[in-house]
Amino acid sequence: MLTFDESILRKKNEDVKPEEVKELISILERELNEINRLGKNGIGLAAPQIGINKRIAIIRLSNKPNYDFKVDLINPKIIKSFDPIINKEEGCLSIPNKIISTNRYNEVHVINEIEGYEPIIATNFLAIACQHEIDHLDGILMTDRQTKPIINKIKIGPNEKCPCGSGLKYKKCCNKWKQ
């Protein structure tokens, strides 16, 4: 997983060839599963985030039993967008522990420019996820769409070093002031 490596995340990405689709989706799913197993809670992953400069991304929503929603974005292009949402908070696996306010659309119509994949009409949360992942394929990071200051969302265990730089464990430093 690439984090803050703008030289790779901002590169121009190549279109995916039909014979590459199955293997690339398999790689992305395996990586996203591993990321989630490690507790990072990602719902989408674009190939550039793992160092593959191809225009392919996946979105996997499966937060309820018997609910498994999959979207594959292969050489995607947003052809229509409706209902701007102002200042929607979102996170990114490539920019860990940060929540950033962005402007997105509440509905997008996406075509996959490869044979055999149907157009997608995405609304609400899925629309935001599609826009986020397609941005990765275009070398755009969510910080480029930032509308408000970044919010730090760092979860620190009591035995980890305190982020204040004291060198002490969090439970014996800044955490002692939280009552």
C-alpha atoms as a PDB file:
ATOM      1  CA  MET A   1       0.000   0.000   0.000  1.00  0.00           C
ATOM      2  CA  LEU A   2       1.449   3.318  -1.056  1.00  0.00           C
ATOM      3  CA  THR A   3       0.981   6.167   1.390  1.00  0.00           C
ATOM      4  CA  PHE A   4       1.844   9.763   0.616  1.00  0.00           C
ATOM      5  CA  ASP A   5       4.025   8.635  -2.329  1.00  0.00           C
ATOM      6  CA  GLU A   6       2.864  11.292  -4.743  1.00  0.00           C
ATOM      7  CA  SER A   7       5.432  10.400  -7.406  1.00  0.00           C
ATOM      8  CA  ILE A   8       3.626   7.100  -8.020  1.00  0.00           C
ATOM      9  CA  LEU A   9       0.083   8.086  -7.016  1.00  0.00           C
ATOM     10  CA  ARG A  10       0.146  11.011  -9.460  1.00  0.00           C
ATOM     11  CA  LYS A  11       1.507   9.118 -12.491  1.00  0.00           C
ATOM     12  CA  LYS A  12      -0.560   8.796 -15.646  1.00  0.00           C
ATOM     13  CA  ASN A  13      -2.157   5.358 -15.666  1.00  0.00           C
ATOM     14  CA  GLU A  14      -2.544   3.067 -18.660  1.00  0.00           C
ATOM     15  CA  ASP A  15      -5.826   1.579 -19.820  1.00  0.00           C
ATOM     16  CA  VAL A  16      -6.433  -2.030 -18.819  1.00  0.00           C
ATOM     17  CA  LYS A  17      -6.509  -4.611 -21.592  1.00  0.00           C
ATOM     18  CA  PRO A  18      -9.320  -7.197 -21.560  1.00  0.00           C
ATOM     19  CA  GLU A  19      -6.917 -10.058 -20.843  1.00  0.00           C
ATOM     20  CA  GLU A  20      -5.611  -8.244 -17.719  1.00  0.00           C
ATOM     21  CA  VAL A  21      -8.971  -7.645 -16.010  1.00  0.00           C
ATOM     22  CA  LYS A  22      -9.431 -10.928 -14.125  1.00  0.00           C
ATOM     23  CA  GLU A  23      -5.904 -11.026 -12.690  1.00  0.00           C
ATOM     24  CA  LEU A  24      -5.917  -7.347 -11.681  1.00  0.00           C
ATOM     25  CA  ILE A  25      -9.287  -7.658  -9.924  1.00  0.00           C
ATOM     26  CA  SER A  26      -7.984 -10.703  -8.078  1.00  0.00           C
ATOM     27  CA  ILE A  27      -4.864  -8.797  -6.959  1.00  0.00           C
ATOM     28  CA  LEU A  28      -6.924  -5.793  -5.817  1.00  0.00           C
ATOM     29  CA  GLU A  29      -9.376  -7.988  -3.887  1.00  0.00           C
ATOM     30  CA  ARG A  30      -6.538  -9.875  -2.189  1.00  0.00           C
ATOM     31  CA  GLU A  31      -4.826  -6.611  -1.197  1.00  0.00           C
ATOM     32  CA  LEU A  32      -8.060  -5.023   0.057  1.00  0.00           C
ATOM     33  CA  ASN A  33      -8.864  -8.135   2.110  1.00  0.00           C
ATOM     34  CA  GLU A  34      -5.393  -8.024   3.674  1.00  0.00           C
ATOM     35  CA  ILE A  35      -5.724  -4.308   4.409  1.00  0.00           C
ATOM     36  CA  ASN A  36      -9.051  -4.934   6.130  1.00  0.00           C
ATOM     37  CA  ARG A  37      -7.647  -7.938   8.023  1.00  0.00           C
ATOM     38  CA  LEU A  38      -5.064  -5.542   9.445  1.00  0.00           C
ATOM     39  CA  GLY A  39      -7.882  -3.293  10.697  1.00  0.00           C
ATOM     40  CA  LYS A  40      -7.649  -0.439   8.198  1.00  0.00           C
ATOM     41  CA  ASN A  41     -11.320  -0.688   7.082  1.00  0.00           C
ATOM     42  CA  GLY A  42     -11.076   0.149   3.389  1.00  0.00           C
ATOM     43  CA  ILE A  43     -14.007  -0.202   1.001  1.00  0.00           C
ATOM     44  CA  GLY A  44     -12.187   0.611  -2.212  1.00  0.00           C
ATOM     45  CA  LEU A  45      -8.781   0.207  -3.759  1.00  0.00           C
ATOM     46  CA  ALA A  46      -7.294   1.539  -6.989  1.00  0.00           C
ATOM     47  CA  ALA A  47      -4.381  -0.157  -8.744  1.00  0.00           C
ATOM     48  CA  PRO A  48      -2.064   2.888  -8.399  1.00  0.00           C
ATOM     49  CA  GLN A  49      -2.392   2.617  -4.600  1.00  0.00           C
ATOM     50  CA  ILE A  50      -0.514  -0.679  -4.750  1.00  0.00           C
ATOM     51  CA  GLY A  51       2.010   0.431  -7.351  1.00  0.00           C
ATOM     52  CA  ILE A  52       0.220  -0.826 -10.481  1.00  0.00           C
ATOM     53  CA  ASN A  53      -0.256   2.035 -12.916  1.00  0.00           C
ATOM     54  CA  LYS A  54      -3.414   0.753 -14.589  1.00  0.00           C
ATOM     55  CA  ARG A  55      -6.903   2.299 -14.762  1.00  0.00           C
ATOM     56  CA  ILE A  56      -8.720  -0.221 -12.588  1.00  0.00           C
ATOM     57  CA  ALA A  57     -10.253  -0.002  -9.120  1.00  0.00           C
ATOM     58  CA  ILE A  58     -12.680  -1.975  -6.978  1.00  0.00           C
ATOM     59  CA  ILE A  59     -15.291  -1.054  -4.392  1.00  0.00           C
ATOM     60  CA  ARG A  60     -16.463  -3.742  -1.969  1.00  0.00           C
ATOM     61  CA  LEU A  61     -19.301  -3.038   0.437  1.00  0.00           C
ATOM     62  CA  SER A  62     -20.099  -5.945   2.732  1.00  0.00           C
ATOM     63  CA  ASN A  63     -20.945  -4.567   6.136  1.00  0.00           C
ATOM     64  CA  LYS A  64     -24.005  -6.747   6.799  1.00  0.00           C
ATOM     65  CA  PRO A  65     -24.557 -10.516   6.756  1.00  0.00           C
ATOM     66  CA  ASN A  66     -25.695 -11.698   3.330  1.00  0.00           C
ATOM     67  CA  TYR A  67     -24.865  -8.298   1.813  1.00  0.00           C
ATOM     68  CA  ASP A  68     -22.023  -8.234  -0.655  1.00  0.00           C
ATOM     69  CA  PHE A  69     -22.017  -5.373  -3.149  1.00  0.00           C
ATOM     70  CA  LYS A  70     -19.190  -5.247  -5.673  1.00  0.00           C
ATOM     71  CA  VAL A  71     -18.294  -2.545  -8.180  1.00  0.00           C
ATOM     72  CA  ASP A  72     -15.449  -2.932 -10.649  1.00  0.00           C
ATOM     73  CA  LEU A  73     -14.194   0.248 -12.308  1.00  0.00           C
ATOM     74  CA  ILE A  74     -12.239  -0.621 -15.444  1.00  0.00           C
ATOM     75  CA  ASN A  75     -11.023   2.254 -17.603  1.00  0.00           C
ATOM     76  CA  PRO A  76     -13.907   4.217 -16.050  1.00  0.00           C
ATOM     77  CA  LYS A  77     -15.237   7.570 -17.090  1.00  0.00           C
ATOM     78  CA  ILE A  78     -17.876   9.690 -15.352  1.00  0.00           C
ATOM     79  CA  ILE A  79     -20.252  10.825 -18.086  1.00  0.00           C
ATOM     80  CA  LYS A  80     -22.876  12.624 -15.945  1.00  0.00           C
ATOM     81  CA  SER A  81     -23.008  13.988 -12.423  1.00  0.00           C
ATOM     82  CA  PHE A  82     -25.878  15.464 -10.409  1.00  0.00           C
ATOM     83  CA  ASP A  83     -26.604  17.125  -7.065  1.00  0.00           C
ATOM     84  CA  PRO A  84     -23.355  18.505  -5.653  1.00  0.00           C
ATOM     85  CA  ILE A  85     -22.682  17.673  -2.000  1.00  0.00           C
ATOM     86  CA  ILE A  86     -20.719  20.338  -0.217  1.00  0.00           C
ATOM     87  CA  ASN A  87     -18.031  19.359   2.290  1.00  0.00           C
ATOM     88  CA  LYS A  88     -18.443  15.572   2.466  1.00  0.00           C
ATOM     89  CA  GLU A  89     -15.924  13.957   4.825  1.00  0.00           C
ATOM     90  CA  GLU A  90     -13.936  11.060   3.410  1.00  0.00           C
ATOM     91  CA  GLY A  91     -10.852   9.030   4.182  1.00  0.00           C
ATOM     92  CA  CYS A  92      -8.218   7.295   2.076  1.00  0.00           C
ATOM     93  CA  LEU A  93      -5.985   4.274   2.623  1.00  0.00           C
ATOM     94  CA  SER A  94      -3.132   6.206   0.981  1.00  0.00           C
ATOM     95  CA  ILE A  95      -3.517   9.082   3.435  1.00  0.00           C
ATOM     96  CA  PRO A  96      -3.965   7.159   6.693  1.00  0.00           C
ATOM     97  CA  ASN A  97      -5.602   8.559   9.821  1.00  0.00           C
ATOM     98  CA  LYS A  98      -6.919  11.669   8.064  1.00  0.00           C
ATOM     99  CA  ILE A  99     -10.461  12.726   7.283  1.00  0.00           C
ATOM    100  CA  ILE A 100     -10.789  15.381   4.609  1.00  0.00           C
ATOM    101  CA  SER A 101     -13.803  17.468   3.613  1.00  0.00           C
ATOM    102  CA  THR A 102     -14.347  17.427  -0.142  1.00  0.00           C
ATOM    103  CA  ASN A 103     -16.987  18.483  -2.632  1.00  0.00           C
ATOM    104  CA  ARG A 104     -18.520  15.542  -4.498  1.00  0.00           C
ATOM    105  CA  TYR A 105     -21.677  14.729  -6.433  1.00  0.00           C
ATOM    106  CA  ASN A 106     -24.561  12.748  -4.936  1.00  0.00           C
ATOM    107  CA  GLU A 107     -25.153  10.884  -8.217  1.00  0.00           C
ATOM    108  CA  VAL A 108     -22.731   9.884 -10.964  1.00  0.00           C
ATOM    109  CA  HIS A 109     -23.158   7.865 -14.151  1.00  0.00           C
ATOM    110  CA  VAL A 110     -20.020   5.864 -14.906  1.00  0.00           C
ATOM    111  CA  ILE A 111     -19.101   3.890 -17.989  1.00  0.00           C
ATOM    112  CA  ASN A 112     -16.384   1.272 -18.057  1.00  0.00           C
ATOM    113  CA  GLU A 113     -14.569   1.691 -21.333  1.00  0.00           C
ATOM    114  CA  ILE A 114     -14.034  -2.018 -21.831  1.00  0.00           C
ATOM    115  CA  GLU A 115     -16.297  -4.595 -23.426  1.00  0.00           C
ATOM    116  CA  GLY A 116     -18.570  -6.665 -21.193  1.00  0.00           C
ATOM    117  CA  TYR A 117     -19.095  -4.214 -18.332  1.00  0.00           C
ATOM    118  CA  GLU A 118     -22.364  -2.371 -17.870  1.00  0.00           C
ATOM    119  CA  PRO A 119     -22.654   1.349 -17.042  1.00  0.00           C
ATOM    120  CA  ILE A 120     -23.124   2.204 -13.368  1.00  0.00           C
ATOM    121  CA  ILE A 121     -25.502   4.723 -11.839  1.00  0.00           C
ATOM    122  CA  ALA A 122     -24.133   5.371  -8.363  1.00  0.00           C
ATOM    123  CA  THR A 123     -25.853   7.430  -5.681  1.00  0.00           C
ATOM    124  CA  ASN A 124     -25.066   8.629  -2.160  1.00  0.00           C
ATOM    125  CA  PHE A 125     -22.125   6.857  -0.532  1.00  0.00           C
ATOM    126  CA  LEU A 126     -21.394   4.695  -3.578  1.00  0.00           C
ATOM    127  CA  ALA A 127     -21.251   7.811  -5.786  1.00  0.00           C
ATOM    128  CA  ILE A 128     -18.657   9.348  -3.474  1.00  0.00           C
ATOM    129  CA  ALA A 129     -16.625   6.117  -3.447  1.00  0.00           C
ATOM    130  CA  CYS A 130     -16.699   5.914  -7.269  1.00  0.00           C
ATOM    131  CA  GLN A 131     -15.507   9.518  -7.596  1.00  0.00           C
ATOM    132  CA  HIS A 132     -12.735   8.905  -5.039  1.00  0.00           C
ATOM    133  CA  GLU A 133     -11.431   5.757  -6.782  1.00  0.00           C
ATOM    134  CA  ILE A 134     -11.657   7.295 -10.272  1.00  0.00           C
ATOM    135  CA  ASP A 135      -9.664  10.264  -8.958  1.00  0.00           C
ATOM    136  CA  HIS A 136      -6.885   7.817  -8.013  1.00  0.00           C
ATOM    137  CA  LEU A 137      -6.864   6.535 -11.593  1.00  0.00           C
ATOM    138  CA  ASP A 138      -6.506  10.115 -12.827  1.00  0.00           C
ATOM    139  CA  GLY A 139      -3.615  10.918 -10.458  1.00  0.00           C
ATOM    140  CA  ILE A 140      -5.817  13.068  -8.209  1.00  0.00           C
ATOM    141  CA  LEU A 141      -5.682  12.733  -4.425  1.00  0.00           C
ATOM    142  CA  MET A 142      -8.469  13.720  -2.066  1.00  0.00           C
ATOM    143  CA  THR A 143      -6.191  16.466  -0.721  1.00  0.00           C
ATOM    144  CA  ASP A 144      -6.559  18.103  -4.154  1.00  0.00           C
ATOM    145  CA  ARG A 145     -10.300  18.365  -3.494  1.00  0.00           C
ATOM    146  CA  GLN A 146      -9.907  19.516   0.118  1.00  0.00           C
ATOM    147  CA  THR A 147     -12.332  22.260   1.195  1.00  0.00           C
ATOM    148  CA  LYS A 148     -11.573  22.503   4.937  1.00  0.00           C
ATOM    149  CA  PRO A 149      -8.573  21.785   7.185  1.00  0.00           C
ATOM    150  CA  ILE A 150      -7.584  18.121   7.570  1.00  0.00           C
ATOM    151  CA  ILE A 151      -8.957  16.334  10.631  1.00  0.00           C
ATOM    152  CA  ASN A 152      -6.575  13.881  12.318  1.00  0.00           C
ATOM    153  CA  LYS A 153      -8.270  10.607  13.233  1.00  0.00           C
ATOM    154  CA  ILE A 154      -5.411   8.818  14.938  1.00  0.00           C
ATOM    155  CA  LYS A 155      -6.312   5.967  17.270  1.00  0.00           C
ATOM    156  CA  ILE A 156      -3.556   5.474  19.795  1.00  0.00           C
ATOM    157  CA  GLY A 157      -3.297   2.524  22.152  1.00  0.00           C
ATOM    158  CA  PRO A 158      -2.301   3.192  25.760  1.00  0.00           C
ATOM    159  CA  ASN A 159       1.078   1.463  25.318  1.00  0.00           C
ATOM    160  CA  GLU A 160       2.044   3.210  22.068  1.00  0.00           C
ATOM    161  CA  LYS A 161       4.405   6.185  22.015  1.00  0.00           C
ATOM    162  CA  CYS A 162       2.618   9.470  22.566  1.00  0.00           C
ATOM    163  CA  PRO A 163       2.317  11.538  19.358  1.00  0.00           C
ATOM    164  CA  CYS A 164       3.339  14.688  21.251  1.00  0.00           C
ATOM    165  CA  GLY A 165       6.972  13.606  20.865  1.00  0.00           C
ATOM    166  CA  SER A 166       7.767  13.119  24.566  1.00  0.00           C
ATOM    167  CA  GLY A 167       8.912   9.531  24.026  1.00  0.00           C
ATOM    168  CA  LEU A 168       6.589   8.342  26.819  1.00  0.00           C
ATOM    169  CA  LYS A 169       3.786   5.857  26.454  1.00  0.00           C
ATOM    170  CA  TYR A 170       0.478   7.539  25.659  1.00  0.00           C
ATOM    171  CA  LYS A 171      -1.115   6.293  28.926  1.00  0.00           C
ATOM    172  CA  LYS A 172       1.590   8.062  30.966  1.00  0.00           C
ATOM    173  CA  CYS A 173       1.656  11.233  28.918  1.00  0.00           C
ATOM    174  CA  CYS A 174      -1.188  13.040  27.133  1.00  0.00           C
ATOM    175  CA  ASN A 175      -3.778  10.353  27.922  1.00  0.00           C
ATOM    176  CA  LYS A 176      -3.475  11.130  31.645  1.00  0.00           C
ATOM    177  CA  TRP A 177      -5.154  14.483  30.991  1.00  0.00           C
ATOM    178  CA  LYS A 178      -8.234  12.844  29.468  1.00  0.00           C
ATOM    179  CA  GLN A 179     -10.687  12.043  32.242  1.00  0.00           C
END
